[in-house]
Protein backbone atom coordinates (compact mmCIF):
# COMPACT_ATOMS: atom_id res chain seq x y z
CA MET A 1 174.01 58.24 -51.91
CA SER A 2 175.03 56.23 -55.62
CA SER A 3 178.46 56.66 -56.79
CA PHE A 4 177.75 58.52 -59.50
CA ASP A 5 176.11 61.19 -57.01
CA GLU A 6 179.38 61.08 -54.96
CA ARG A 7 181.63 61.59 -58.39
CA GLU A 8 179.35 64.51 -59.32
CA LYS A 9 179.26 66.28 -56.17
CA ALA A 10 183.49 65.76 -55.97
CA HIS A 11 183.62 66.93 -59.46
CA GLU A 12 181.70 70.22 -58.55
CA ASN A 13 183.37 70.89 -55.26
CA ARG A 14 187.18 70.86 -57.36
CA TYR A 15 185.30 72.85 -59.98
CA ALA A 16 184.62 75.54 -57.89
CA ARG A 17 187.81 75.13 -56.08
CA GLU A 18 189.73 75.83 -59.39
CA GLN A 19 187.53 79.34 -59.71
CA GLU A 20 188.23 80.09 -56.37
CA LEU A 21 191.76 79.78 -56.70
CA GLU A 22 191.67 81.62 -60.88
CA PHE A 23 189.55 84.65 -59.11
CA LYS A 24 192.37 84.73 -55.87
CA ALA A 25 195.53 84.57 -59.09
CA ASN A 26 193.72 87.33 -60.88
CA ALA A 27 193.43 89.84 -57.83
CA ARG A 28 196.78 89.08 -56.76
CA ARG A 29 198.19 89.22 -60.56
CA ASN A 30 196.17 92.35 -60.57
CA LYS A 31 197.90 93.83 -57.92
CA MET A 32 200.99 93.23 -59.12
CA LEU A 33 200.56 94.86 -62.39
CA GLY A 34 199.19 97.72 -60.21
CA LEU A 35 202.89 97.78 -58.98
CA TRP A 36 204.67 97.22 -61.85
CA ALA A 37 202.20 100.36 -64.21
CA ALA A 38 202.78 102.59 -60.40
CA GLU A 39 206.94 102.08 -60.84
CA LYS A 40 206.56 103.25 -64.83
CA LEU A 41 204.23 105.48 -63.92
CA GLY A 42 206.62 107.31 -61.11
CA PHE A 43 204.72 106.25 -57.90
CA SER A 44 206.29 104.86 -54.58
CA GLY A 45 205.04 103.91 -51.17
CA ASP A 46 202.04 104.93 -50.78
CA GLU A 47 200.99 106.26 -53.89
CA ALA A 48 201.70 102.77 -55.98
CA GLU A 49 199.64 101.01 -52.64
CA SER A 50 197.00 102.94 -53.89
CA TYR A 51 197.47 102.38 -57.59
CA ALA A 52 197.58 98.85 -57.40
CA GLY A 53 194.34 99.43 -55.54
CA GLU A 54 192.78 100.98 -58.39
CA VAL A 55 194.14 98.61 -60.25
CA VAL A 56 192.82 95.68 -58.48
CA ALA A 57 189.56 97.33 -58.59
CA ALA A 58 189.01 98.07 -62.05
CA ASP A 59 188.82 94.47 -62.49
CA LEU A 60 185.23 94.51 -61.06
CA GLU A 61 183.58 96.39 -63.88
CA GLU A 62 183.06 93.54 -66.59
CA ALA A 63 184.83 90.36 -66.95
CA GLY A 64 187.64 89.29 -68.44
CA ASP A 65 191.07 90.85 -68.24
CA GLU A 66 190.08 93.97 -71.00
CA ASP A 67 189.44 96.30 -67.74
CA VAL A 68 192.19 96.03 -66.09
CA PHE A 69 193.93 96.67 -69.50
CA ARG A 70 192.56 99.80 -70.49
CA LYS A 71 192.42 101.30 -66.75
CA VAL A 72 196.84 100.85 -67.47
CA ARG A 73 196.98 101.53 -70.63
CA LYS A 74 194.65 104.55 -69.87
CA ASP A 75 196.80 106.28 -67.03
CA PHE A 76 200.52 105.15 -69.24
CA ASP A 77 198.74 107.46 -72.06
CA ALA A 78 198.23 110.37 -69.63
CA LYS A 79 201.74 110.53 -68.22
CA GLY A 80 203.57 109.30 -71.72
CA VAL A 81 204.84 106.07 -70.31
CA ALA A 82 205.69 104.40 -73.24
CA VAL A 83 204.43 100.50 -72.93
CA SER A 84 202.77 98.94 -76.27
CA ASP A 85 200.26 97.01 -75.74
CA VAL A 86 201.69 93.81 -76.87
CA GLU A 87 204.43 94.67 -73.35
CA LEU A 88 201.34 94.94 -71.21
CA ARG A 89 199.80 92.40 -72.28
CA HIS A 90 202.92 90.19 -72.24
CA GLU A 91 203.32 91.62 -68.61
CA MET A 92 199.58 90.79 -67.64
CA THR A 93 200.04 87.15 -69.16
CA ARG A 94 204.00 86.83 -67.01
CA LEU A 95 202.02 88.19 -63.75
CA LEU A 96 199.53 85.87 -63.78
CA ASP A 97 201.46 82.92 -64.60
CA GLN A 98 203.58 83.86 -61.28
CA ALA A 99 200.32 84.60 -59.91
CA ARG A 100 198.93 81.30 -60.08
CA ALA A 101 202.11 79.58 -59.35
CA ALA A 102 202.24 81.70 -55.83
CA VAL A 103 197.90 80.51 -55.25
CA ARG A 104 198.98 76.82 -56.04
CA GLU A 105 201.96 77.19 -52.95
CA GLY A 106 199.50 78.99 -50.37
């Protein structure tokens, strides 16, 4: 195998690992967001855990974060929870940063 092929293979492996870590960080963020939202919705215990699972599952509807945002926004609106779109998006970003750090640390 040439050094070019080796570098290309290493790059492909690094890219695959980065994608895997980002997937894990997003899933972790979604669970954390679900627990944060559950608290705002008045859920606790098993109900909060179940709701967090629904938020994680909502991310499988389409690529990107909009499906998760829409799910939580809809649930907040249905229960009259006063959280703005800006605050919700800020929390999503803040929690993603935390999740990425946690995934990197192992």
